[in-house]
């Protein structure tokens, strides 16, 4: 009888976990994209130029 009560919880928990994973993935992609688009400071470019 307890398995009848537990069965509906598993799909609900799985859906919540998938939603959280999707939200986390979206947040990480957003942060990564902002980082890629960020300009490199001139002083850092100057330091990198000195390595050549």
PDB file of N, CA and C in Angstrom:
ATOM      1  N   UNK A   1       0.818  -1.199   0.000  1.00  0.00           N
ATOM      2  CA  UNK A   1       0.000   0.000   0.000  1.00  0.00           C
ATOM      3  C   UNK A   1       0.860   1.261   0.000  1.00  0.00           C
ATOM      4  N   UNK A   2       1.986   1.231   0.651  1.00  0.00           N
ATOM      5  CA  UNK A   2       2.832   2.424   0.670  1.00  0.00           C
ATOM      6  C   UNK A   2       3.403   2.719  -0.710  1.00  0.00           C
ATOM      7  N   UNK A   3       3.574   1.686  -1.533  1.00  0.00           N
ATOM      8  CA  UNK A   3       4.118   1.922  -2.866  1.00  0.00           C
ATOM      9  C   UNK A   3       3.138   2.720  -3.725  1.00  0.00           C
ATOM     10  N   UNK A   4       1.822   2.592  -3.456  1.00  0.00           N
ATOM     11  CA  UNK A   4       0.829   3.376  -4.189  1.00  0.00           C
ATOM     12  C   UNK A   4       0.995   4.864  -3.893  1.00  0.00           C
ATOM     13  N   UNK A   5       1.339   5.200  -2.664  1.00  0.00           N
ATOM     14  CA  UNK A   5       1.512   6.602  -2.297  1.00  0.00           C
ATOM     15  C   UNK A   5       2.830   7.148  -2.830  1.00  0.00           C
ATOM     16  N   UNK A   6       3.857   6.312  -2.931  1.00  0.00           N
ATOM     17  CA  UNK A   6       5.164   6.768  -3.374  1.00  0.00           C
ATOM     18  C   UNK A   6       5.251   6.902  -4.895  1.00  0.00           C
ATOM     19  N   UNK A   7       4.493   6.161  -5.627  1.00  0.00           N
ATOM     20  CA  UNK A   7       4.580   6.168  -7.086  1.00  0.00           C
ATOM     21  C   UNK A   7       4.314   7.547  -7.693  1.00  0.00           C
ATOM     22  N   UNK A   8       3.278   8.292  -7.290  1.00  0.00           N
ATOM     23  CA  UNK A   8       3.066   9.606  -7.900  1.00  0.00           C
ATOM     24  C   UNK A   8       4.157  10.612  -7.565  1.00  0.00           C
ATOM     25  N   UNK A   9       4.845  10.445  -6.446  1.00  0.00           N
ATOM     26  CA  UNK A   9       5.882  11.390  -6.044  1.00  0.00           C
ATOM     27  C   UNK A   9       7.104  11.317  -6.953  1.00  0.00           C
ATOM     28  N   UNK A  10       7.455  10.134  -7.421  1.00  0.00           N
ATOM     29  CA  UNK A  10       8.663   9.980  -8.226  1.00  0.00           C
ATOM     30  C   UNK A  10       8.605  10.779  -9.527  1.00  0.00           C
ATOM     31  N   UNK A  11       7.548  10.691 -10.311  1.00  0.00           N
ATOM     32  CA  UNK A  11       7.510  11.511 -11.527  1.00  0.00           C
ATOM     33  C   UNK A  11       7.534  13.002 -11.212  1.00  0.00           C
ATOM     34  N   UNK A  12       6.879  13.400 -10.137  1.00  0.00           N
ATOM     35  CA  UNK A  12       6.856  14.810  -9.768  1.00  0.00           C
ATOM     36  C   UNK A  12       8.256  15.268  -9.369  1.00  0.00           C
ATOM     37  N   UNK A  13       8.953  14.451  -8.584  1.00  0.00           N
ATOM     38  CA  UNK A  13      10.316  14.792  -8.168  1.00  0.00           C
ATOM     39  C   UNK A  13      11.246  14.829  -9.371  1.00  0.00           C
ATOM     40  N   UNK A  14      11.064  13.910 -10.308  1.00  0.00           N
ATOM     41  CA  UNK A  14      11.898  13.883 -11.506  1.00  0.00           C
ATOM     42  C   UNK A  14      11.660  15.137 -12.342  1.00  0.00           C
ATOM     43  N   UNK A  15      10.418  15.555 -12.454  1.00  0.00           N
ATOM     44  CA  UNK A  15      10.094  16.757 -13.220  1.00  0.00           C
ATOM     45  C   UNK A  15      10.691  17.997 -12.560  1.00  0.00           C
ATOM     46  N   UNK A  16      10.652  18.056 -11.245  1.00  0.00           N
ATOM     47  CA  UNK A  16      11.229  19.188 -10.521  1.00  0.00           C
ATOM     48  C   UNK A  16      12.746  19.204 -10.722  1.00  0.00           C
ATOM     49  N   UNK A  17      13.373  18.034 -10.654  1.00  0.00           N
ATOM     50  CA  UNK A  17      14.820  17.945 -10.854  1.00  0.00           C
ATOM     51  C   UNK A  17      15.189  18.363 -12.272  1.00  0.00           C
ATOM     52  N   UNK A  18      14.428  17.940 -13.264  1.00  0.00           N
ATOM     53  CA  UNK A  18      14.693  18.322 -14.649  1.00  0.00           C
ATOM     54  C   UNK A  18      14.538  19.822 -14.825  1.00  0.00           C
ATOM     55  N   UNK A  19      13.535  20.394 -14.190  1.00  0.00           N
ATOM     56  CA  UNK A  19      13.316  21.833 -14.278  1.00  0.00           C
ATOM     57  C   UNK A  19      14.485  22.600 -13.660  1.00  0.00           C
ATOM     58  N   UNK A  20      14.953  22.133 -12.516  1.00  0.00           N
ATOM     59  CA  UNK A  20      16.102  22.781 -11.864  1.00  0.00           C
ATOM     60  C   UNK A  20      17.351  22.656 -12.725  1.00  0.00           C
ATOM     61  N   UNK A  21      17.561  21.484 -13.316  1.00  0.00           N
ATOM     62  CA  UNK A  21      18.717  21.281 -14.194  1.00  0.00           C
ATOM     63  C   UNK A  21      18.637  22.194 -15.410  1.00  0.00           C
ATOM     64  N   UNK A  22      17.448  22.334 -15.969  1.00  0.00           N
ATOM     65  CA  UNK A  22      17.250  23.199 -17.134  1.00  0.00           C
ATOM     66  C   UNK A  22      17.527  24.653 -16.761  1.00  0.00           C
ATOM     67  N   UNK A  23      17.040  25.067 -15.604  1.00  0.00           N
ATOM     68  CA  UNK A  23      17.273  26.440 -15.134  1.00  0.00           C
ATOM     69  C   UNK A  23      18.757  26.687 -14.885  1.00  0.00           C
ATOM     70  N   UNK A  24      19.437  25.731 -14.291  1.00  0.00           N
ATOM     71  CA  UNK A  24      20.863  25.864 -14.021  1.00  0.00           C
ATOM     72  C   UNK A  24      21.641  25.935 -15.330  1.00  0.00           C
ATOM     73  N   UNK A  25      21.293  25.104 -16.272  1.00  0.00           N
ATOM     74  CA  UNK A  25      21.961  25.120 -17.572  1.00  0.00           C
ATOM     75  C   UNK A  25      21.769  26.446 -18.275  1.00  0.00           C
ATOM     76  N   UNK A  26      20.569  26.974 -18.204  1.00  0.00           N
ATOM     77  CA  UNK A  26      20.280  28.266 -18.821  1.00  0.00           C
ATOM     78  C   UNK A  26      21.088  29.379 -18.160  1.00  0.00           C
ATOM     79  N   UNK A  27      21.176  29.357 -16.851  1.00  0.00           N
ATOM     80  CA  UNK A  27      21.941  30.372 -16.128  1.00  0.00           C
ATOM     81  C   UNK A  27      23.422  30.283 -16.473  1.00  0.00           C
ATOM     82  N   UNK A  28      23.960  29.074 -16.556  1.00  0.00           N
ATOM     83  CA  UNK A  28      25.372  28.901 -16.892  1.00  0.00           C
ATOM     84  C   UNK A  28      25.666  29.376 -18.321  1.00  0.00           C
ATOM     85  N   UNK A  29      24.766  29.064 -19.250  1.00  0.00           N
ATOM     86  CA  UNK A  29      24.956  29.533 -20.629  1.00  0.00           C
ATOM     87  C   UNK A  29      24.926  31.048 -20.695  1.00  0.00           C
ATOM     88  N   UNK A  30      24.046  31.656 -19.938  1.00  0.00           N
ATOM     89  CA  UNK A  30      23.940  33.112 -19.915  1.00  0.00           C
ATOM     90  C   UNK A  30      25.221  33.757 -19.377  1.00  0.00           C
ATOM     91  N   UNK A  31      25.740  33.234 -18.284  1.00  0.00           N
ATOM     92  CA  UNK A  31      26.969  33.766 -17.700  1.00  0.00           C
ATOM     93  C   UNK A  31      28.139  33.561 -18.656  1.00  0.00           C
ATOM     94  N   UNK A  32      28.211  32.398 -19.277  1.00  0.00           N
ATOM     95  CA  UNK A  32      29.289  32.124 -20.228  1.00  0.00           C
ATOM     96  C   UNK A  32      29.224  33.103 -21.396  1.00  0.00           C
ATOM     97  N   UNK A  33      28.032  33.322 -21.948  1.00  0.00           N
ATOM     98  CA  UNK A  33      27.878  34.222 -23.085  1.00  0.00           C
ATOM     99  C   UNK A  33      28.285  35.650 -22.717  1.00  0.00           C
ATOM    100  N   UNK A  34      27.906  36.099 -21.540  1.00  0.00           N
ATOM    101  CA  UNK A  34      28.290  37.439 -21.091  1.00  0.00           C
ATOM    102  C   UNK A  34      29.803  37.541 -20.949  1.00  0.00           C
ATOM    103  N   UNK A  35      30.438  36.491 -20.465  1.00  0.00           N
ATOM    104  CA  UNK A  35      31.886  36.474 -20.306  1.00  0.00           C
ATOM    105  C   UNK A  35      32.585  36.528 -21.661  1.00  0.00           C
ATOM    106  N   UNK A  36      32.081  35.773 -22.624  1.00  0.00           N
ATOM    107  CA  UNK A  36      32.664  35.759 -23.960  1.00  0.00           C
ATOM    108  C   UNK A  36      32.556  37.136 -24.606  1.00  0.00           C
ATOM    109  N   UNK A  37      31.457  37.822 -24.377  1.00  0.00           N
ATOM    110  CA  UNK A  37      31.220  39.119 -24.994  1.00  0.00           C
ATOM    111  C   UNK A  37      31.959  40.263 -24.280  1.00  0.00           C
ATOM    112  N   UNK A  38      32.475  39.994 -23.097  1.00  0.00           N
ATOM    113  CA  UNK A  38      33.147  41.034 -22.319  1.00  0.00           C
ATOM    114  C   UNK A  38      34.458  41.450 -22.989  1.00  0.00           C
ATOM    115  N   UNK A  39      34.713  42.739 -22.995  1.00  0.00           N
ATOM    116  CA  UNK A  39      35.937  43.261 -23.606  1.00  0.00           C
ATOM    117  C   UNK A  39      37.153  42.930 -22.745  1.00  0.00           C
ATOM    118  N   UNK A  40      38.280  42.707 -23.415  1.00  0.00           N
ATOM    119  CA  UNK A  40      39.535  42.447 -22.716  1.00  0.00           C
ATOM    120  C   UNK A  40      40.167  43.802 -22.381  1.00  0.00           C
ATOM    121  N   UNK A  41      40.530  44.030 -21.128  1.00  0.00           N
ATOM    122  CA  UNK A  41      41.136  45.313 -20.739  1.00  0.00           C
ATOM    123  C   UNK A  41      42.433  45.583 -21.521  1.00  0.00           C
ATOM    124  N   UNK A  42      42.673  46.856 -21.818  1.00  0.00           N
ATOM    125  CA  UNK A  42      43.850  47.249 -22.587  1.00  0.00           C
ATOM    126  C   UNK A  42      45.158  46.838 -21.910  1.00  0.00           C
ATOM    127  N   UNK A  43      45.232  46.960 -20.587  1.00  0.00           N
ATOM    128  CA  UNK A  43      46.469  46.593 -19.901  1.00  0.00           C
ATOM    129  C   UNK A  43      46.768  45.100 -20.028  1.00  0.00           C
ATOM    130  N   UNK A  44      45.729  44.281 -20.058  1.00  0.00           N
ATOM    131  CA  UNK A  44      45.929  42.848 -20.243  1.00  0.00           C
ATOM    132  C   UNK A  44      46.377  42.566 -21.675  1.00  0.00           C
ATOM    133  N   UNK A  45      45.794  43.242 -22.644  1.00  0.00           N
ATOM    134  CA  UNK A  45      46.219  43.085 -24.035  1.00  0.00           C
ATOM    135  C   UNK A  45      47.671  43.506 -24.201  1.00  0.00           C
ATOM    136  N   UNK A  46      48.067  44.553 -23.498  1.00  0.00           N
ATOM    137  CA  UNK A  46      49.453  45.015 -23.548  1.00  0.00           C
ATOM    138  C   UNK A  46      50.390  43.951 -22.987  1.00  0.00           C
ATOM    139  N   UNK A  47      50.029  43.366 -21.869  1.00  0.00           N
ATOM    140  CA  UNK A  47      50.843  42.301 -21.284  1.00  0.00           C
ATOM    141  C   UNK A  47      50.938  41.104 -22.227  1.00  0.00           C
ATOM    142  N   UNK A  48      49.842  40.740 -22.830  1.00  0.00           N
ATOM    143  CA  UNK A  48      49.841  39.615 -23.769  1.00  0.00           C
ATOM    144  C   UNK A  48      50.705  39.926 -24.980  1.00  0.00           C
ATOM    145  N   UNK A  49      50.689  41.187 -25.421  1.00  0.00           N
ATOM    146  CA  UNK A  49      51.507  41.588 -26.562  1.00  0.00           C
ATOM    147  C   UNK A  49      52.988  41.480 -26.271  1.00  0.00           C
ATOM    148  N   UNK A  50      53.366  41.650 -25.029  1.00  0.00           N
ATOM    149  CA  UNK A  50      54.777  41.562 -24.645  1.00  0.00           C
ATOM    150  C   UNK A  50      55.288  40.112 -24.658  1.00  0.00           C
ATOM    151  N   UNK A  51      54.388  39.166 -24.646  1.00  0.00           N
ATOM    152  CA  UNK A  51      54.779  37.755 -24.672  1.00  0.00           C
ATOM    153  C   UNK A  51      55.272  37.316 -26.046  1.00  0.00           C
ATOM    154  N   UNK A  52      54.843  38.009 -27.082  1.00  0.00           N
ATOM    155  CA  UNK A  52      55.236  37.619 -28.453  1.00  0.00           C
ATOM    156  C   UNK A  52      56.639  37.890 -28.776  1.00  0.00           C
TER     157      UNK A  52
END
